[in-house]
Amino acid sequence: MIKREIETKTPKPKTPKCNPINIRALKVLLLHLEVTSGLKVNFHKSMLLSVNIHDSWLAETVSIINCKLGKLPFLYLGLPIGGDPRKLKFW
């Protein structure tokens, strides 16, 4: 009797494609949030951060939404976010 090992292949994550329709739908959703809540979304002050996203996709998204491209670490209300607090340069 021959024993075969069955290899289980995990699918590789697909590269996200920048679909302008989906990105515009996200912006429309945020604009509807403005209308329903009475608050204003400042796109020129907003920042888009990425984790494991291709730079080309991110650059195209930033241009459609008209916001800034952010990177870690960044400051939020004067506090550093996303760095190593054990290091002196963090503070």
C-alpha atoms as a PDB file:
ATOM      1  CA  MET A   1       0.000   0.000   0.000  1.00  0.00           C
ATOM      2  CA  ILE A   2       1.479   3.343  -1.037  1.00  0.00           C
ATOM      3  CA  LYS A   3       0.865   6.230   1.269  1.00  0.00           C
ATOM      4  CA  ARG A   4       0.545   9.592  -0.410  1.00  0.00           C
ATOM      5  CA  GLU A   5       0.785  12.853   1.343  1.00  0.00           C
ATOM      6  CA  ILE A   6      -1.801  15.298   0.234  1.00  0.00           C
ATOM      7  CA  GLU A   7      -0.453  18.766  -0.066  1.00  0.00           C
ATOM      8  CA  THR A   8      -2.817  21.471   0.922  1.00  0.00           C
ATOM      9  CA  LYS A   9      -2.154  24.627  -0.962  1.00  0.00           C
ATOM     10  CA  THR A  10      -3.177  27.854   0.616  1.00  0.00           C
ATOM     11  CA  PRO A  11      -4.325  30.349  -1.953  1.00  0.00           C
ATOM     12  CA  LYS A  12      -2.086  33.370  -2.391  1.00  0.00           C
ATOM     13  CA  PRO A  13      -3.711  36.690  -1.609  1.00  0.00           C
ATOM     14  CA  LYS A  14      -4.775  38.408  -4.787  1.00  0.00           C
ATOM     15  CA  THR A  15      -3.308  41.748  -5.710  1.00  0.00           C
ATOM     16  CA  PRO A  16      -5.992  44.360  -5.171  1.00  0.00           C
ATOM     17  CA  LYS A  17      -7.031  46.142  -8.330  1.00  0.00           C
ATOM     18  CA  CYS A  18      -7.811  49.787  -8.043  1.00  0.00           C
ATOM     19  CA  ASN A  19     -11.406  50.002  -9.146  1.00  0.00           C
ATOM     20  CA  PRO A  20     -12.296  53.702  -9.430  1.00  0.00           C
ATOM     21  CA  ILE A  21     -15.993  52.896  -9.106  1.00  0.00           C
ATOM     22  CA  ASN A  22     -15.478  51.335  -5.661  1.00  0.00           C
ATOM     23  CA  ILE A  23     -13.280  54.211  -4.532  1.00  0.00           C
ATOM     24  CA  ARG A  24     -15.821  56.787  -5.691  1.00  0.00           C
ATOM     25  CA  ALA A  25     -18.524  54.798  -3.888  1.00  0.00           C
ATOM     26  CA  LEU A  26     -16.468  55.066  -0.703  1.00  0.00           C
ATOM     27  CA  LYS A  27     -16.191  58.830  -1.160  1.00  0.00           C
ATOM     28  CA  VAL A  28     -19.951  59.082  -1.790  1.00  0.00           C
ATOM     29  CA  LEU A  29     -20.540  57.091   1.389  1.00  0.00           C
ATOM     30  CA  LEU A  30     -18.417  59.571   3.335  1.00  0.00           C
ATOM     31  CA  LEU A  31     -20.285  62.493   1.749  1.00  0.00           C
ATOM     32  CA  HIS A  32     -23.604  60.893   2.796  1.00  0.00           C
ATOM     33  CA  LEU A  33     -22.180  60.649   6.302  1.00  0.00           C
ATOM     34  CA  GLU A  34     -21.640  64.422   6.167  1.00  0.00           C
ATOM     35  CA  VAL A  35     -25.239  65.049   5.206  1.00  0.00           C
ATOM     36  CA  THR A  36     -26.800  62.708   7.762  1.00  0.00           C
ATOM     37  CA  SER A  37     -24.585  63.607  10.710  1.00  0.00           C
ATOM     38  CA  GLY A  38     -24.179  67.319  10.064  1.00  0.00           C
ATOM     39  CA  LEU A  39     -20.412  66.963  10.457  1.00  0.00           C
ATOM     40  CA  LYS A  40     -17.886  67.845   7.761  1.00  0.00           C
ATOM     41  CA  VAL A  41     -15.293  65.434   6.378  1.00  0.00           C
ATOM     42  CA  ASN A  42     -12.137  67.411   5.579  1.00  0.00           C
ATOM     43  CA  PHE A  43     -10.648  65.394   2.754  1.00  0.00           C
ATOM     44  CA  HIS A  44      -7.700  67.798   2.413  1.00  0.00           C
ATOM     45  CA  LYS A  45      -6.810  67.089   6.064  1.00  0.00           C
ATOM     46  CA  SER A  46      -7.567  63.365   5.888  1.00  0.00           C
ATOM     47  CA  MET A  47      -4.796  60.811   5.553  1.00  0.00           C
ATOM     48  CA  LEU A  48      -4.888  57.370   3.942  1.00  0.00           C
ATOM     49  CA  LEU A  49      -2.593  54.756   5.474  1.00  0.00           C
ATOM     50  CA  SER A  50      -1.896  51.312   4.113  1.00  0.00           C
ATOM     51  CA  VAL A  51      -0.834  47.931   5.386  1.00  0.00           C
ATOM     52  CA  ASN A  52       0.272  45.393   2.745  1.00  0.00           C
ATOM     53  CA  ILE A  53      -1.189  47.441  -0.108  1.00  0.00           C
ATOM     54  CA  HIS A  54       0.655  48.208  -3.323  1.00  0.00           C
ATOM     55  CA  ASP A  55       1.885  51.781  -3.710  1.00  0.00           C
ATOM     56  CA  SER A  56       0.283  52.153  -7.141  1.00  0.00           C
ATOM     57  CA  TRP A  57      -3.150  51.264  -5.764  1.00  0.00           C
ATOM     58  CA  LEU A  58      -2.684  53.620  -2.858  1.00  0.00           C
ATOM     59  CA  ALA A  59      -1.511  56.524  -5.042  1.00  0.00           C
ATOM     60  CA  GLU A  60      -4.506  56.157  -7.348  1.00  0.00           C
ATOM     61  CA  THR A  61      -6.893  56.000  -4.392  1.00  0.00           C
ATOM     62  CA  VAL A  62      -5.389  59.124  -2.830  1.00  0.00           C
ATOM     63  CA  SER A  63      -5.774  61.010  -6.104  1.00  0.00           C
ATOM     64  CA  ILE A  64      -9.451  60.011  -6.442  1.00  0.00           C
ATOM     65  CA  ILE A  65     -10.370  60.808  -2.824  1.00  0.00           C
ATOM     66  CA  ASN A  66      -8.219  63.999  -2.759  1.00  0.00           C
ATOM     67  CA  CYS A  67      -6.561  63.271   0.557  1.00  0.00           C
ATOM     68  CA  LYS A  68      -2.994  62.944   1.836  1.00  0.00           C
ATOM     69  CA  LEU A  69      -0.858  59.845   1.655  1.00  0.00           C
ATOM     70  CA  GLY A  70       0.206  58.935   5.186  1.00  0.00           C
ATOM     71  CA  LYS A  71       2.831  56.648   6.628  1.00  0.00           C
ATOM     72  CA  LEU A  72       3.584  55.267  10.054  1.00  0.00           C
ATOM     73  CA  PRO A  73       4.391  56.703  12.549  1.00  0.00           C
ATOM     74  CA  PHE A  74       2.159  59.790  12.462  1.00  0.00           C
ATOM     75  CA  LEU A  75       0.872  62.310  14.979  1.00  0.00           C
ATOM     76  CA  TYR A  76      -2.733  62.307  16.153  1.00  0.00           C
ATOM     77  CA  LEU A  77      -3.711  65.090  18.538  1.00  0.00           C
ATOM     78  CA  GLY A  78      -0.015  65.604  19.210  1.00  0.00           C
ATOM     79  CA  LEU A  79       0.604  61.976  20.161  1.00  0.00           C
ATOM     80  CA  PRO A  80       2.730  59.659  18.014  1.00  0.00           C
ATOM     81  CA  ILE A  81       0.832  56.668  16.621  1.00  0.00           C
ATOM     82  CA  GLY A  82       2.434  53.528  15.205  1.00  0.00           C
ATOM     83  CA  GLY A  83       5.978  53.808  16.472  1.00  0.00           C
ATOM     84  CA  ASP A  84       8.029  52.006  19.088  1.00  0.00           C
ATOM     85  CA  PRO A  85       7.450  53.751  22.456  1.00  0.00           C
ATOM     86  CA  ARG A  86      10.570  52.098  23.907  1.00  0.00           C
ATOM     87  CA  LYS A  87      12.792  54.207  21.665  1.00  0.00           C
ATOM     88  CA  LEU A  88      13.746  57.756  22.608  1.00  0.00           C
ATOM     89  CA  LYS A  89      13.163  59.170  19.103  1.00  0.00           C
ATOM     90  CA  PHE A  90       9.521  58.070  19.396  1.00  0.00           C
ATOM     91  CA  TRP A  91       8.975  60.751  22.022  1.00  0.00           C
END
